[in-house]
Amino acid sequence: MLLRIRQEVDQIVGIDGKIKEEKILELPYLHAVIKETMRLHTPAPLLAPHTTEREVKLGNYIVPPKTQIMVNAWAIAMDPCFWERPGSFMPERFLKNEIDYKGQDFEFLPFGSGRRRCPGMPMAPRMKATPLVATPIPLN
């Protein structure tokens, strides 16, 4: 896995090993590894609490007004209804689909969704990718 990331970085970034922000967008396997890491190790397992304004039907339940609702993002990320082998680290699952962490795909909510999502969301993938430096490694 690390070898595959290094090969991708070497191919896209080049020999000098200096990663520019625009080049980070051209690293699909690195992004898949970051997404899979965020799925397995959700930054905030419980999302910001929400309060119902009126009576709401949620699944088979009637939730009265002014009830605090907590969303367990970790449980969703580990749900076998959404993920094949949810306890396994499989970045390839993100290469095969368009699921993203921006809050529109409700099976993957590491930063929440809507108005209360994490304001640091755009910066997080860049910060996770920054320490990676392309250095030549022997392949034999």
N, C-alpha and C. Protein backbone atom coordinates (compact mmCIF):
# COMPACT_ATOMS: atom_id res chain seq x y z
N MET A 1 0.83 -1.18 0.00
CA MET A 1 0.00 0.00 0.00
C MET A 1 0.88 1.26 0.00
N LEU A 2 1.83 1.31 0.93
CA LEU A 2 2.73 2.46 0.98
C LEU A 2 3.54 2.56 -0.31
N LEU A 3 3.94 1.42 -0.84
CA LEU A 3 4.68 1.41 -2.09
C LEU A 3 3.83 1.99 -3.22
N ARG A 4 2.55 1.61 -3.24
CA ARG A 4 1.66 2.13 -4.28
C ARG A 4 1.48 3.64 -4.17
N ILE A 5 1.36 4.15 -2.95
CA ILE A 5 1.24 5.60 -2.76
C ILE A 5 2.52 6.29 -3.22
N ARG A 6 3.66 5.75 -2.82
CA ARG A 6 4.94 6.37 -3.21
C ARG A 6 5.11 6.36 -4.72
N GLN A 7 4.73 5.28 -5.38
CA GLN A 7 4.83 5.23 -6.84
C GLN A 7 3.92 6.28 -7.48
N GLU A 8 2.71 6.43 -6.95
CA GLU A 8 1.78 7.44 -7.47
C GLU A 8 2.35 8.84 -7.28
N VAL A 9 2.89 9.10 -6.09
CA VAL A 9 3.47 10.42 -5.82
C VAL A 9 4.67 10.66 -6.73
N ASP A 10 5.56 9.68 -6.87
CA ASP A 10 6.72 9.84 -7.74
C ASP A 10 6.30 10.13 -9.18
N GLN A 11 5.25 9.45 -9.63
CA GLN A 11 4.79 9.61 -11.00
C GLN A 11 4.17 10.99 -11.22
N ILE A 12 3.34 11.45 -10.30
CA ILE A 12 2.63 12.71 -10.47
C ILE A 12 3.49 13.91 -10.07
N VAL A 13 4.18 13.80 -8.95
CA VAL A 13 4.93 14.94 -8.42
C VAL A 13 6.26 15.11 -9.14
N GLY A 14 6.95 14.02 -9.40
CA GLY A 14 8.22 14.11 -10.08
C GLY A 14 9.39 13.84 -9.17
N ILE A 15 10.56 13.98 -9.72
CA ILE A 15 11.79 13.62 -9.02
C ILE A 15 12.12 14.57 -7.88
N ASP A 16 11.82 15.86 -8.03
CA ASP A 16 12.21 16.82 -6.98
C ASP A 16 11.51 16.57 -5.66
N GLY A 17 10.34 15.89 -5.68
CA GLY A 17 9.65 15.49 -4.45
C GLY A 17 8.91 16.61 -3.75
N LYS A 18 8.82 17.77 -4.36
CA LYS A 18 8.10 18.87 -3.73
C LYS A 18 6.64 18.84 -4.19
N ILE A 19 5.76 18.66 -3.22
CA ILE A 19 4.34 18.54 -3.54
C ILE A 19 3.72 19.93 -3.52
N LYS A 20 3.15 20.31 -4.65
CA LYS A 20 2.42 21.57 -4.74
C LYS A 20 0.94 21.25 -4.59
N GLU A 21 0.20 22.21 -4.06
CA GLU A 21 -1.21 21.96 -3.75
C GLU A 21 -1.99 21.47 -4.96
N GLU A 22 -1.72 22.02 -6.14
CA GLU A 22 -2.47 21.59 -7.33
C GLU A 22 -2.16 20.15 -7.71
N LYS A 23 -0.98 19.65 -7.35
CA LYS A 23 -0.62 18.26 -7.64
C LYS A 23 -1.33 17.28 -6.71
N ILE A 24 -1.67 17.72 -5.50
CA ILE A 24 -2.36 16.84 -4.55
C ILE A 24 -3.69 16.36 -5.13
N LEU A 25 -4.34 17.20 -5.92
CA LEU A 25 -5.62 16.83 -6.51
C LEU A 25 -5.49 15.71 -7.54
N GLU A 26 -4.26 15.44 -8.02
CA GLU A 26 -4.04 14.42 -9.04
C GLU A 26 -3.56 13.08 -8.46
N LEU A 27 -3.80 12.86 -7.17
CA LEU A 27 -3.34 11.65 -6.50
C LEU A 27 -4.53 10.82 -6.01
N PRO A 28 -5.21 10.08 -6.89
CA PRO A 28 -6.45 9.38 -6.49
C PRO A 28 -6.25 8.31 -5.41
N TYR A 29 -5.15 7.56 -5.48
CA TYR A 29 -4.97 6.51 -4.47
C TYR A 29 -4.68 7.12 -3.10
N LEU A 30 -3.90 8.18 -3.07
CA LEU A 30 -3.64 8.88 -1.81
C LEU A 30 -4.95 9.39 -1.21
N HIS A 31 -5.82 9.95 -2.04
CA HIS A 31 -7.13 10.42 -1.55
C HIS A 31 -7.97 9.25 -1.04
N ALA A 32 -7.89 8.11 -1.72
CA ALA A 32 -8.65 6.94 -1.26
C ALA A 32 -8.14 6.48 0.10
N VAL A 33 -6.84 6.51 0.32
CA VAL A 33 -6.26 6.12 1.61
C VAL A 33 -6.70 7.11 2.69
N ILE A 34 -6.71 8.40 2.38
CA ILE A 34 -7.16 9.41 3.35
C ILE A 34 -8.63 9.19 3.71
N LYS A 35 -9.47 8.96 2.70
CA LYS A 35 -10.90 8.72 2.96
C LYS A 35 -11.11 7.47 3.81
N GLU A 36 -10.39 6.40 3.48
CA GLU A 36 -10.55 5.16 4.23
C GLU A 36 -10.06 5.34 5.67
N THR A 37 -9.01 6.11 5.86
CA THR A 37 -8.53 6.41 7.21
C THR A 37 -9.59 7.19 7.98
N MET A 38 -10.22 8.17 7.34
CA MET A 38 -11.26 8.95 8.00
C MET A 38 -12.50 8.10 8.28
N ARG A 39 -12.77 7.11 7.43
CA ARG A 39 -13.91 6.23 7.67
C ARG A 39 -13.65 5.36 8.90
N LEU A 40 -12.48 4.76 8.97
CA LEU A 40 -12.16 3.88 10.09
C LEU A 40 -11.91 4.63 11.40
N HIS A 41 -11.35 5.81 11.29
CA HIS A 41 -11.01 6.61 12.48
C HIS A 41 -11.68 7.96 12.35
N THR A 42 -12.99 7.97 12.45
CA THR A 42 -13.79 9.17 12.29
C THR A 42 -13.31 10.27 13.23
N PRO A 43 -13.00 11.46 12.70
CA PRO A 43 -12.49 12.55 13.55
C PRO A 43 -13.41 12.89 14.73
N ALA A 44 -14.70 12.91 14.49
CA ALA A 44 -15.68 13.18 15.55
C ALA A 44 -16.73 12.08 15.48
N PRO A 45 -16.61 11.05 16.32
CA PRO A 45 -17.55 9.92 16.23
C PRO A 45 -19.01 10.32 16.40
N LEU A 46 -19.27 11.28 17.28
CA LEU A 46 -20.64 11.80 17.44
C LEU A 46 -20.67 13.20 16.84
N LEU A 47 -21.58 13.42 15.90
CA LEU A 47 -21.68 14.73 15.27
C LEU A 47 -22.32 15.73 16.22
N ALA A 48 -22.26 17.00 15.85
CA ALA A 48 -22.85 18.05 16.68
C ALA A 48 -24.33 17.73 16.93
N PRO A 49 -24.80 17.92 18.16
CA PRO A 49 -26.20 17.60 18.45
C PRO A 49 -27.17 18.52 17.71
N HIS A 50 -28.29 17.97 17.38
CA HIS A 50 -29.37 18.72 16.73
C HIS A 50 -30.61 18.62 17.63
N THR A 51 -31.47 19.60 17.55
CA THR A 51 -32.71 19.60 18.32
C THR A 51 -33.88 19.72 17.36
N THR A 52 -34.88 18.86 17.55
CA THR A 52 -36.05 18.91 16.67
C THR A 52 -36.89 20.14 17.00
N GLU A 53 -37.42 20.78 15.97
CA GLU A 53 -38.27 21.96 16.17
C GLU A 53 -39.73 21.56 16.30
N ARG A 54 -40.09 20.46 15.66
CA ARG A 54 -41.47 19.97 15.73
C ARG A 54 -41.43 18.45 15.78
N GLU A 55 -42.56 17.83 15.94
CA GLU A 55 -42.63 16.37 15.96
C GLU A 55 -42.17 15.83 14.61
N VAL A 56 -41.32 14.82 14.66
CA VAL A 56 -40.74 14.25 13.44
C VAL A 56 -40.84 12.74 13.50
N LYS A 57 -41.10 12.13 12.34
CA LYS A 57 -41.06 10.67 12.27
C LYS A 57 -39.69 10.30 11.73
N LEU A 58 -38.96 9.52 12.53
CA LEU A 58 -37.61 9.09 12.18
C LEU A 58 -37.60 7.57 12.16
N GLY A 59 -37.64 7.01 10.97
CA GLY A 59 -37.79 5.55 10.85
C GLY A 59 -39.15 5.15 11.38
N ASN A 60 -39.20 4.26 12.36
CA ASN A 60 -40.45 3.83 12.98
C ASN A 60 -40.76 4.59 14.26
N TYR A 61 -40.02 5.64 14.55
CA TYR A 61 -40.16 6.37 15.81
C TYR A 61 -40.75 7.75 15.58
N ILE A 62 -41.53 8.18 16.55
CA ILE A 62 -42.03 9.55 16.57
C ILE A 62 -41.18 10.30 17.59
N VAL A 63 -40.49 11.34 17.12
CA VAL A 63 -39.61 12.12 17.99
C VAL A 63 -40.33 13.42 18.33
N PRO A 64 -40.55 13.68 19.62
CA PRO A 64 -41.27 14.90 20.00
C PRO A 64 -40.44 16.16 19.77
N PRO A 65 -41.09 17.33 19.75
CA PRO A 65 -40.35 18.58 19.58
C PRO A 65 -39.37 18.81 20.72
N LYS A 66 -38.31 19.56 20.43
CA LYS A 66 -37.27 19.93 21.39
C LYS A 66 -36.52 18.72 21.95
N THR A 67 -36.38 17.68 21.12
CA THR A 67 -35.61 16.50 21.50
C THR A 67 -34.21 16.62 20.89
N GLN A 68 -33.21 16.36 21.70
CA GLN A 68 -31.84 16.42 21.18
C GLN A 68 -31.51 15.12 20.46
N ILE A 69 -30.99 15.25 19.24
CA ILE A 69 -30.64 14.11 18.41
C ILE A 69 -29.12 14.09 18.24
N MET A 70 -28.52 12.92 18.48
CA MET A 70 -27.08 12.73 18.28
C MET A 70 -26.89 11.72 17.15
N VAL A 71 -26.08 12.06 16.17
CA VAL A 71 -25.79 11.15 15.06
C VAL A 71 -24.45 10.48 15.33
N ASN A 72 -24.44 9.15 15.32
CA ASN A 72 -23.23 8.39 15.56
C ASN A 72 -22.56 8.09 14.22
N ALA A 73 -21.67 8.99 13.78
CA ALA A 73 -21.00 8.86 12.48
C ALA A 73 -20.10 7.63 12.45
N TRP A 74 -19.51 7.28 13.59
CA TRP A 74 -18.64 6.10 13.63
C TRP A 74 -19.45 4.84 13.34
N ALA A 75 -20.63 4.71 13.96
CA ALA A 75 -21.47 3.53 13.74
C ALA A 75 -21.90 3.44 12.28
N ILE A 76 -22.20 4.56 11.67
CA ILE A 76 -22.58 4.57 10.26
C ILE A 76 -21.40 4.10 9.40
N ALA A 77 -20.20 4.58 9.72
CA ALA A 77 -19.00 4.21 8.96
C ALA A 77 -18.62 2.75 9.13
N MET A 78 -19.14 2.10 10.17
CA MET A 78 -18.84 0.69 10.42
C MET A 78 -20.03 -0.22 10.12
N ASP A 79 -21.06 0.30 9.52
CA ASP A 79 -22.29 -0.45 9.26
C ASP A 79 -22.13 -1.37 8.04
N PRO A 80 -22.28 -2.68 8.21
CA PRO A 80 -22.16 -3.60 7.07
C PRO A 80 -23.26 -3.43 6.02
N CYS A 81 -24.31 -2.70 6.34
CA CYS A 81 -25.33 -2.40 5.33
C CYS A 81 -24.78 -1.46 4.26
N PHE A 82 -23.81 -0.64 4.64
CA PHE A 82 -23.22 0.33 3.71
C PHE A 82 -21.86 -0.08 3.19
N TRP A 83 -21.10 -0.83 3.99
CA TRP A 83 -19.71 -1.12 3.68
C TRP A 83 -19.43 -2.62 3.70
N GLU A 84 -18.78 -3.11 2.66
CA GLU A 84 -18.31 -4.49 2.62
C GLU A 84 -17.10 -4.60 3.55
N ARG A 85 -17.11 -5.58 4.44
CA ARG A 85 -16.04 -5.77 5.43
C ARG A 85 -15.66 -4.44 6.09
N PRO A 86 -16.57 -3.85 6.85
CA PRO A 86 -16.35 -2.51 7.40
C PRO A 86 -15.16 -2.38 8.33
N GLY A 87 -14.70 -3.44 8.97
CA GLY A 87 -13.57 -3.34 9.88
C GLY A 87 -12.22 -3.45 9.19
N SER A 88 -12.22 -3.69 7.88
CA SER A 88 -10.97 -3.84 7.13
C SER A 88 -10.56 -2.53 6.47
N PHE A 89 -9.26 -2.31 6.40
CA PHE A 89 -8.71 -1.13 5.72
C PHE A 89 -8.60 -1.44 4.23
N MET A 90 -9.52 -0.90 3.44
CA MET A 90 -9.58 -1.18 2.00
C MET A 90 -9.77 0.13 1.23
N PRO A 91 -8.68 0.89 0.99
CA PRO A 91 -8.82 2.16 0.28
C PRO A 91 -9.40 2.02 -1.12
N GLU A 92 -9.23 0.84 -1.72
CA GLU A 92 -9.74 0.63 -3.08
C GLU A 92 -11.24 0.85 -3.18
N ARG A 93 -11.96 0.71 -2.07
CA ARG A 93 -13.41 0.91 -2.11
C ARG A 93 -13.76 2.34 -2.55
N PHE A 94 -12.87 3.29 -2.29
CA PHE A 94 -13.13 4.68 -2.68
C PHE A 94 -12.67 4.98 -4.11
N LEU A 95 -11.94 4.07 -4.72
CA LEU A 95 -11.56 4.25 -6.13
C LEU A 95 -12.71 3.83 -7.04
N LYS A 96 -13.59 2.97 -6.53
CA LYS A 96 -14.66 2.39 -7.34
C LYS A 96 -15.94 3.22 -7.30
N ASN A 97 -16.01 4.24 -6.44
CA ASN A 97 -17.25 5.00 -6.33
C ASN A 97 -16.96 6.48 -6.14
N GLU A 98 -18.00 7.27 -6.13
CA GLU A 98 -17.89 8.72 -6.01
C GLU A 98 -18.18 9.22 -4.60
N ILE A 99 -18.21 8.35 -3.61
CA ILE A 99 -18.53 8.75 -2.25
C ILE A 99 -17.48 9.75 -1.76
N ASP A 100 -17.96 10.85 -1.19
CA ASP A 100 -17.05 11.89 -0.71
C ASP A 100 -17.43 12.27 0.70
N TYR A 101 -16.57 13.02 1.36
CA TYR A 101 -16.76 13.39 2.77
C TYR A 101 -17.42 14.75 2.93
N LYS A 102 -17.97 15.33 1.89
CA LYS A 102 -18.49 16.70 1.95
C LYS A 102 -19.90 16.80 2.51
N GLY A 103 -20.49 15.69 2.95
CA GLY A 103 -21.76 15.74 3.64
C GLY A 103 -22.98 15.38 2.82
N GLN A 104 -22.78 14.98 1.56
CA GLN A 104 -23.92 14.60 0.73
C GLN A 104 -24.13 13.09 0.69
N ASP A 105 -23.12 12.35 1.04
CA ASP A 105 -23.20 10.89 1.08
C ASP A 105 -23.34 10.48 2.54
N PHE A 106 -24.54 10.11 2.95
CA PHE A 106 -24.83 9.93 4.37
C PHE A 106 -24.26 8.65 4.97
N GLU A 107 -23.64 7.80 4.16
CA GLU A 107 -22.96 6.64 4.71
C GLU A 107 -21.52 6.97 5.11
N PHE A 108 -21.08 8.20 4.83
CA PHE A 108 -19.71 8.62 5.11
C PHE A 108 -19.72 10.09 5.53
N LEU A 109 -19.77 10.32 6.84
CA LEU A 109 -19.91 11.68 7.38
C LEU A 109 -18.81 12.03 8.39
N PRO A 110 -17.54 11.94 8.03
CA PRO A 110 -16.52 12.23 9.04
C PRO A 110 -16.52 13.68 9.52
N PHE A 111 -17.08 14.60 8.73
CA PHE A 111 -17.12 16.01 9.11
C PHE A 111 -18.54 16.52 9.33
N GLY A 112 -19.50 15.63 9.34
CA GLY A 112 -20.89 16.05 9.50
C GLY A 112 -21.47 16.48 8.16
N SER A 113 -22.58 17.20 8.24
CA SER A 113 -23.29 17.61 7.04
C SER A 113 -24.07 18.88 7.31
N GLY A 114 -24.36 19.60 6.25
CA GLY A 114 -25.20 20.78 6.38
C GLY A 114 -24.51 21.96 7.05
N ARG A 115 -25.31 22.83 7.64
CA ARG A 115 -24.78 24.05 8.25
C ARG A 115 -23.85 23.79 9.41
N ARG A 116 -23.99 22.65 10.06
CA ARG A 116 -23.17 22.37 11.24
C ARG A 116 -21.97 21.48 10.95
N ARG A 117 -21.64 21.30 9.70
CA ARG A 117 -20.47 20.46 9.42
C ARG A 117 -19.20 21.19 9.86
N CYS A 118 -18.14 20.47 9.99
CA CYS A 118 -16.87 21.00 10.48
C CYS A 118 -16.34 22.08 9.54
N PRO A 119 -16.02 23.26 10.06
CA PRO A 119 -15.51 24.32 9.20
C PRO A 119 -14.10 24.03 8.68
N GLY A 120 -13.39 23.09 9.30
CA GLY A 120 -12.05 22.74 8.85
C GLY A 120 -12.02 21.68 7.77
N MET A 121 -13.20 21.26 7.29
CA MET A 121 -13.28 20.18 6.31
C MET A 121 -12.41 20.41 5.07
N PRO A 122 -12.40 21.57 4.44
CA PRO A 122 -11.57 21.73 3.23
C PRO A 122 -10.07 21.60 3.51
N MET A 123 -9.66 21.92 4.71
CA MET A 123 -8.24 21.90 5.03
C MET A 123 -7.76 20.50 5.45
N ALA A 124 -8.60 19.68 6.01
CA ALA A 124 -8.19 18.40 6.58
C ALA A 124 -7.47 17.48 5.60
N PRO A 125 -8.00 17.21 4.40
CA PRO A 125 -7.28 16.29 3.50
C PRO A 125 -5.93 16.85 3.08
N ARG A 126 -5.82 18.14 2.93
CA ARG A 126 -4.54 18.74 2.55
C ARG A 126 -3.52 18.59 3.68
N MET A 127 -3.97 18.73 4.91
CA MET A 127 -3.06 18.61 6.04
C MET A 127 -2.61 17.17 6.22
N LYS A 128 -3.49 16.21 5.95
CA LYS A 128 -3.12 14.81 6.07
C LYS A 128 -2.15 14.43 4.96
N ALA A 129 -2.24 15.09 3.80
CA ALA A 129 -1.38 14.75 2.67
C ALA A 129 -0.03 15.46 2.72
N THR A 130 0.06 16.57 3.40
CA THR A 130 1.26 17.39 3.38
C THR A 130 2.53 16.69 3.85
N PRO A 131 2.52 15.91 4.95
CA PRO A 131 3.78 15.32 5.40
C PRO A 131 4.40 14.31 4.44
N LEU A 132 3.64 13.82 3.49
CA LEU A 132 4.15 12.84 2.56
C LEU A 132 5.15 13.50 1.61
N VAL A 133 6.35 12.99 1.58
CA VAL A 133 7.39 13.53 0.70
C VAL A 133 7.82 12.43 -0.24
N ALA A 134 7.91 12.77 -1.52
CA ALA A 134 8.30 11.79 -2.52
C ALA A 134 9.81 11.62 -2.48
N THR A 135 10.26 10.48 -1.98
CA THR A 135 11.68 10.17 -1.96
C THR A 135 11.89 8.87 -2.70
N PRO A 136 12.96 8.78 -3.44
CA PRO A 136 13.20 7.53 -4.16
C PRO A 136 13.36 6.36 -3.18
N ILE A 137 12.74 5.24 -3.49
CA ILE A 137 12.89 4.05 -2.67
C ILE A 137 13.30 2.90 -3.58
N PRO A 138 14.14 2.03 -3.09
CA PRO A 138 14.54 0.89 -3.94
C PRO A 138 13.37 -0.06 -4.13
N LEU A 139 13.16 -0.49 -5.34
CA LEU A 139 12.04 -1.38 -5.65
C LEU A 139 12.48 -2.85 -5.73
N ASN A 140 13.73 -3.15 -5.44
CA ASN A 140 14.19 -4.54 -5.51
C ASN A 140 14.33 -5.16 -4.16
